[in-house]
Amino acid sequence: MTIIELERELLHLGISSDLYSIMTGGLPNEKLCIVKDDKWQVYYSERGKKSGLKIFETETEACEYFLCKVKRYATK
């Protein structure tokens, strides 16, 4: 899965973009984030900190983990 495919799936599932941040980096308040630094990172940005940081070698692993975390907010 790529970032493009992830974005499509999130739209398809009706998950609000207020809940996540894709490839923007930084620490947006109260959002699940996915970024690529040296490696792929998925974390929850909370009060200026990376909470629950997970590191992945591949885009596919990171995207699949991210999707699994936000699927519970699906409206469709």
N, C-alpha and C. Protein backbone atom coordinates (compact mmCIF):
# COMPACT_ATOMS: atom_id res chain seq x y z
N MET A 1 0.85 -1.18 0.00
CA MET A 1 0.00 0.00 0.00
C MET A 1 0.89 1.24 0.00
N THR A 2 0.51 2.21 -0.79
CA THR A 2 1.24 3.47 -0.86
C THR A 2 0.44 4.56 -0.14
N ILE A 3 1.06 5.72 0.03
CA ILE A 3 0.38 6.87 0.64
C ILE A 3 -0.86 7.24 -0.19
N ILE A 4 -0.75 7.22 -1.51
CA ILE A 4 -1.88 7.55 -2.39
C ILE A 4 -3.03 6.58 -2.15
N GLU A 5 -2.72 5.28 -2.09
CA GLU A 5 -3.74 4.27 -1.84
C GLU A 5 -4.35 4.43 -0.44
N LEU A 6 -3.53 4.77 0.52
CA LEU A 6 -4.00 5.01 1.88
C LEU A 6 -5.00 6.17 1.90
N GLU A 7 -4.67 7.25 1.25
CA GLU A 7 -5.57 8.41 1.21
C GLU A 7 -6.90 8.05 0.56
N ARG A 8 -6.85 7.28 -0.50
CA ARG A 8 -8.09 6.85 -1.17
C ARG A 8 -8.95 5.99 -0.24
N GLU A 9 -8.31 5.08 0.46
CA GLU A 9 -9.03 4.20 1.37
C GLU A 9 -9.66 4.97 2.52
N LEU A 10 -8.96 5.95 3.04
CA LEU A 10 -9.50 6.77 4.13
C LEU A 10 -10.73 7.53 3.66
N LEU A 11 -10.69 8.05 2.44
CA LEU A 11 -11.86 8.73 1.87
C LEU A 11 -13.01 7.76 1.67
N HIS A 12 -12.70 6.60 1.14
CA HIS A 12 -13.71 5.58 0.90
C HIS A 12 -14.41 5.16 2.20
N LEU A 13 -13.65 5.07 3.29
CA LEU A 13 -14.20 4.66 4.58
C LEU A 13 -14.91 5.80 5.31
N GLY A 14 -14.78 7.02 4.78
CA GLY A 14 -15.44 8.16 5.40
C GLY A 14 -14.78 8.62 6.69
N ILE A 15 -13.49 8.41 6.81
CA ILE A 15 -12.77 8.82 8.02
C ILE A 15 -12.42 10.30 7.91
N SER A 16 -12.82 11.06 8.89
CA SER A 16 -12.61 12.50 8.89
C SER A 16 -11.13 12.86 8.86
N SER A 17 -10.77 13.78 7.99
CA SER A 17 -9.38 14.23 7.89
C SER A 17 -8.96 15.02 9.13
N ASP A 18 -9.90 15.37 9.99
CA ASP A 18 -9.57 16.03 11.25
C ASP A 18 -8.84 15.08 12.21
N LEU A 19 -8.89 13.79 11.92
CA LEU A 19 -8.31 12.79 12.82
C LEU A 19 -6.87 12.41 12.49
N TYR A 20 -6.40 12.81 11.30
CA TYR A 20 -5.08 12.35 10.89
C TYR A 20 -4.31 13.40 10.09
N SER A 21 -3.03 13.13 9.97
CA SER A 21 -2.12 13.98 9.19
C SER A 21 -1.21 13.06 8.38
N ILE A 22 -1.20 13.27 7.06
CA ILE A 22 -0.40 12.43 6.18
C ILE A 22 0.69 13.26 5.52
N MET A 23 1.93 12.90 5.81
CA MET A 23 3.12 13.47 5.18
C MET A 23 3.30 14.98 5.39
N THR A 24 2.70 15.55 6.42
CA THR A 24 2.91 16.98 6.67
C THR A 24 3.97 17.21 7.74
N GLY A 25 4.25 16.19 8.52
CA GLY A 25 5.27 16.31 9.55
C GLY A 25 4.86 17.21 10.69
N GLY A 26 5.80 17.46 11.56
CA GLY A 26 5.51 18.32 12.70
C GLY A 26 4.65 17.62 13.73
N LEU A 27 4.02 18.44 14.56
CA LEU A 27 3.22 17.89 15.64
C LEU A 27 1.84 18.53 15.66
N PRO A 28 1.00 18.24 14.66
CA PRO A 28 -0.36 18.78 14.68
C PRO A 28 -1.09 18.24 15.91
N ASN A 29 -1.93 19.04 16.50
CA ASN A 29 -2.57 18.68 17.76
C ASN A 29 -3.60 17.57 17.61
N GLU A 30 -3.45 16.52 18.43
CA GLU A 30 -4.43 15.44 18.53
C GLU A 30 -4.73 14.75 17.21
N LYS A 31 -3.70 14.31 16.51
CA LYS A 31 -3.89 13.62 15.23
C LYS A 31 -2.94 12.43 15.13
N LEU A 32 -3.41 11.40 14.42
CA LEU A 32 -2.55 10.28 14.07
C LEU A 32 -1.76 10.72 12.84
N CYS A 33 -0.46 10.55 12.87
CA CYS A 33 0.42 11.06 11.81
C CYS A 33 1.22 9.94 11.17
N ILE A 34 1.47 10.11 9.87
CA ILE A 34 2.38 9.23 9.15
C ILE A 34 3.33 10.14 8.36
N VAL A 35 4.63 9.91 8.54
CA VAL A 35 5.65 10.72 7.85
C VAL A 35 6.83 9.83 7.49
N LYS A 36 7.62 10.32 6.55
CA LYS A 36 8.88 9.64 6.22
C LYS A 36 10.02 10.58 6.55
N ASP A 37 10.83 10.14 7.49
CA ASP A 37 12.05 10.86 7.83
C ASP A 37 13.16 10.00 7.23
N ASP A 38 14.04 9.45 8.02
CA ASP A 38 14.97 8.45 7.50
C ASP A 38 14.20 7.15 7.25
N LYS A 39 13.28 6.88 8.16
CA LYS A 39 12.40 5.71 8.05
C LYS A 39 10.96 6.20 8.18
N TRP A 40 10.02 5.32 7.93
CA TRP A 40 8.60 5.66 8.06
C TRP A 40 8.21 5.69 9.53
N GLN A 41 7.47 6.72 9.92
CA GLN A 41 7.03 6.87 11.29
C GLN A 41 5.51 7.02 11.34
N VAL A 42 4.91 6.34 12.31
CA VAL A 42 3.49 6.52 12.60
C VAL A 42 3.42 6.83 14.09
N TYR A 43 2.72 7.91 14.42
CA TYR A 43 2.60 8.31 15.83
C TYR A 43 1.35 9.15 16.04
N TYR A 44 0.98 9.27 17.30
CA TYR A 44 -0.12 10.15 17.66
C TYR A 44 0.50 11.41 18.22
N SER A 45 0.15 12.53 17.62
CA SER A 45 0.67 13.82 18.06
C SER A 45 -0.23 14.35 19.16
N GLU A 46 0.36 14.53 20.33
CA GLU A 46 -0.42 14.93 21.49
C GLU A 46 0.41 15.86 22.37
N ARG A 47 -0.09 17.07 22.53
CA ARG A 47 0.57 18.07 23.38
C ARG A 47 2.03 18.29 23.00
N GLY A 48 2.29 18.35 21.70
CA GLY A 48 3.64 18.62 21.22
C GLY A 48 4.60 17.46 21.33
N LYS A 49 4.07 16.24 21.50
CA LYS A 49 4.93 15.06 21.62
C LYS A 49 4.43 13.96 20.70
N LYS A 50 5.37 13.08 20.32
CA LYS A 50 5.04 11.91 19.52
C LYS A 50 4.73 10.77 20.48
N SER A 51 3.46 10.46 20.59
CA SER A 51 3.03 9.39 21.49
C SER A 51 2.84 8.10 20.69
N GLY A 52 3.30 6.97 21.24
CA GLY A 52 3.13 5.69 20.58
C GLY A 52 3.87 5.56 19.28
N LEU A 53 5.04 6.17 19.18
CA LEU A 53 5.83 6.17 17.95
C LEU A 53 6.20 4.75 17.52
N LYS A 54 5.89 4.44 16.26
CA LYS A 54 6.28 3.17 15.63
C LYS A 54 7.11 3.50 14.40
N ILE A 55 8.18 2.76 14.20
CA ILE A 55 9.10 2.96 13.08
C ILE A 55 8.98 1.77 12.12
N PHE A 56 8.93 2.07 10.82
CA PHE A 56 8.80 1.03 9.80
C PHE A 56 9.85 1.22 8.72
N GLU A 57 10.26 0.12 8.15
CA GLU A 57 11.24 0.14 7.06
C GLU A 57 10.59 0.49 5.72
N THR A 58 9.33 0.06 5.54
CA THR A 58 8.70 0.24 4.23
C THR A 58 7.43 1.08 4.33
N GLU A 59 7.10 1.71 3.22
CA GLU A 59 5.88 2.50 3.10
C GLU A 59 4.65 1.61 3.32
N THR A 60 4.69 0.41 2.75
CA THR A 60 3.56 -0.51 2.87
C THR A 60 3.27 -0.85 4.33
N GLU A 61 4.29 -1.20 5.09
CA GLU A 61 4.10 -1.54 6.50
C GLU A 61 3.52 -0.37 7.28
N ALA A 62 4.05 0.81 7.04
CA ALA A 62 3.58 2.00 7.75
C ALA A 62 2.13 2.32 7.39
N CYS A 63 1.80 2.25 6.12
CA CYS A 63 0.43 2.55 5.67
C CYS A 63 -0.57 1.55 6.22
N GLU A 64 -0.21 0.27 6.20
CA GLU A 64 -1.12 -0.75 6.71
C GLU A 64 -1.35 -0.59 8.21
N TYR A 65 -0.31 -0.27 8.95
CA TYR A 65 -0.45 -0.03 10.39
C TYR A 65 -1.33 1.20 10.64
N PHE A 66 -1.06 2.27 9.91
CA PHE A 66 -1.84 3.51 10.04
C PHE A 66 -3.32 3.24 9.78
N LEU A 67 -3.60 2.53 8.69
CA LEU A 67 -4.98 2.23 8.33
C LEU A 67 -5.66 1.41 9.42
N CYS A 68 -4.96 0.45 9.95
CA CYS A 68 -5.50 -0.39 11.02
C CYS A 68 -5.88 0.47 12.24
N LYS A 69 -5.05 1.46 12.55
CA LYS A 69 -5.30 2.32 13.70
C LYS A 69 -6.51 3.24 13.51
N VAL A 70 -6.75 3.71 12.29
CA VAL A 70 -7.85 4.67 12.08
C VAL A 70 -9.15 4.02 11.60
N LYS A 71 -9.11 2.76 11.23
CA LYS A 71 -10.32 2.10 10.71
C LYS A 71 -11.49 2.14 11.68
N ARG A 72 -11.23 2.18 12.94
CA ARG A 72 -12.32 2.18 13.93
C ARG A 72 -13.18 3.45 13.83
N TYR A 73 -12.67 4.47 13.13
CA TYR A 73 -13.43 5.71 12.95
C TYR A 73 -14.19 5.77 11.63
N ALA A 74 -14.21 4.64 10.92
CA ALA A 74 -14.90 4.59 9.63
C ALA A 74 -16.40 4.85 9.81
N THR A 75 -16.97 5.59 8.87
CA THR A 75 -18.40 5.89 8.92
C THR A 75 -19.16 5.17 7.81
N LYS A 76 -18.45 4.46 6.95
CA LYS A 76 -19.11 3.74 5.85
C LYS A 76 -18.83 2.27 5.96
